[in-house]
C-alpha atoms as a PDB file:
ATOM      1  CA  UNK A   1       0.116  -0.239   0.518  1.00  0.00           C
ATOM      2  CA  UNK A   2       1.128   3.110  -0.883  1.00  0.00           C
ATOM      3  CA  UNK A   3       1.672   6.479   1.244  1.00  0.00           C
ATOM      4  CA  UNK A   4      -0.645   8.133  -0.448  1.00  0.00           C
ATOM      5  CA  UNK A   5      -3.400   5.545   0.175  1.00  0.00           C
ATOM      6  CA  UNK A   6      -2.528   5.235   4.237  1.00  0.00           C
ATOM      7  CA  UNK A   7      -2.076   8.834   4.588  1.00  0.00           C
ATOM      8  CA  UNK A   8      -6.521   9.123   2.669  1.00  0.00           C
ATOM      9  CA  UNK A   9      -7.161   5.488   4.599  1.00  0.00           C
ATOM     10  CA  UNK A  10      -6.517   7.197   7.903  1.00  0.00           C
ATOM     11  CA  UNK A  11      -8.114  10.733   7.316  1.00  0.00           C
ATOM     12  CA  UNK A  12     -11.268   9.355   5.971  1.00  0.00           C
ATOM     13  CA  UNK A  13     -11.902   7.430   9.117  1.00  0.00           C
ATOM     14  CA  UNK A  14     -11.000  10.302  11.107  1.00  0.00           C
ATOM     15  CA  UNK A  15     -13.549  12.578   9.130  1.00  0.00           C
ATOM     16  CA  UNK A  16     -16.131   9.242   9.757  1.00  0.00           C
ATOM     17  CA  UNK A  17     -15.576   9.250  13.505  1.00  0.00           C
ATOM     18  CA  UNK A  18     -16.348  12.665  13.698  1.00  0.00           C
ATOM     19  CA  UNK A  19     -19.768  11.999  11.972  1.00  0.00           C
ATOM     20  CA  UNK A  20     -18.910  11.166   7.814  1.00  0.00           C
ATOM     21  CA  UNK A  21     -21.158   9.810   5.939  1.00  0.00           C
ATOM     22  CA  UNK A  22     -19.559   5.881   4.866  1.00  0.00           C
ATOM     23  CA  UNK A  23     -20.284   6.575   1.430  1.00  0.00           C
ATOM     24  CA  UNK A  24     -18.605   9.969   1.029  1.00  0.00           C
ATOM     25  CA  UNK A  25     -14.903   7.670   1.997  1.00  0.00           C
ATOM     26  CA  UNK A  26     -12.666   8.194  -0.680  1.00  0.00           C
ATOM     27  CA  UNK A  27     -10.776   5.267  -0.064  1.00  0.00           C
ATOM     28  CA  UNK A  28     -12.576   1.890   0.856  1.00  0.00           C
ATOM     29  CA  UNK A  29     -11.862   0.448   4.526  1.00  0.00           C
ATOM     30  CA  UNK A  30     -12.484  -2.764   3.770  1.00  0.00           C
ATOM     31  CA  UNK A  31     -10.058  -3.624   0.593  1.00  0.00           C
ATOM     32  CA  UNK A  32      -7.884  -0.896   1.852  1.00  0.00           C
ATOM     33  CA  UNK A  33      -7.950   1.062  -1.422  1.00  0.00           C
ATOM     34  CA  UNK A  34      -9.271   3.875  -3.361  1.00  0.00           C
ATOM     35  CA  UNK A  35     -13.020   3.755  -3.151  1.00  0.00           C
ATOM     36  CA  UNK A  36     -13.142   4.077  -7.252  1.00  0.00           C
ATOM     37  CA  UNK A  37     -11.196   0.719  -7.250  1.00  0.00           C
ATOM     38  CA  UNK A  38     -13.105  -1.294  -5.463  1.00  0.00           C
ATOM     39  CA  UNK A  39     -16.577  -0.632  -6.031  1.00  0.00           C
ATOM     40  CA  UNK A  40     -18.144  -3.399  -7.369  1.00  0.00           C
ATOM     41  CA  UNK A  41     -16.786  -5.455  -4.781  1.00  0.00           C
ATOM     42  CA  UNK A  42     -19.407  -5.104  -2.892  1.00  0.00           C
ATOM     43  CA  UNK A  43     -22.666  -6.635  -2.922  1.00  0.00           C
ATOM     44  CA  UNK A  44     -25.953  -5.243  -0.965  1.00  0.00           C
ATOM     45  CA  UNK A  45     -27.049  -6.255   1.882  1.00  0.00           C
ATOM     46  CA  UNK A  46     -30.527  -8.489   1.242  1.00  0.00           C
ATOM     47  CA  UNK A  47     -32.288 -10.904   4.039  1.00  0.00           C
ATOM     48  CA  UNK A  48     -31.014 -13.852   1.346  1.00  0.00           C
ATOM     49  CA  UNK A  49     -27.408 -13.063   2.126  1.00  0.00           C
ATOM     50  CA  UNK A  50     -28.222 -12.625   5.561  1.00  0.00           C
ATOM     51  CA  UNK A  51     -30.326 -15.395   6.290  1.00  0.00           C
ATOM     52  CA  UNK A  52     -27.616 -17.336   4.134  1.00  0.00           C
ATOM     53  CA  UNK A  53     -24.484 -16.443   6.237  1.00  0.00           C
ATOM     54  CA  UNK A  54     -26.793 -17.042   9.173  1.00  0.00           C
ATOM     55  CA  UNK A  55     -27.320 -20.249   8.533  1.00  0.00           C
ATOM     56  CA  UNK A  56     -23.540 -20.627   7.338  1.00  0.00           C
ATOM     57  CA  UNK A  57     -22.528 -20.032  11.143  1.00  0.00           C
ATOM     58  CA  UNK A  58     -25.056 -22.535  12.481  1.00  0.00           C
ATOM     59  CA  UNK A  59     -23.400 -25.442  10.102  1.00  0.00           C
ATOM     60  CA  UNK A  60     -20.128 -24.095  11.402  1.00  0.00           C
ATOM     61  CA  UNK A  61     -20.972 -24.365  15.185  1.00  0.00           C
ATOM     62  CA  UNK A  62     -22.974 -27.256  14.948  1.00  0.00           C
ATOM     63  CA  UNK A  63     -19.509 -28.877  13.335  1.00  0.00           C
ATOM     64  CA  UNK A  64     -17.156 -27.603  16.295  1.00  0.00           C
END
């Protein structure tokens, strides 16, 4: 990660902590990249996805 991106992530983190909406970030906290570079990588949250993830967690817990 280059120094410009690192500084921008830190700046966005501080601004978000101060009340900026997450959609206004220039960087992606999840992927540690520029927001424009990972715009297509985020899937919208849906009830089906949440249920599928909950089921997967239940299966993992049952194995342990």
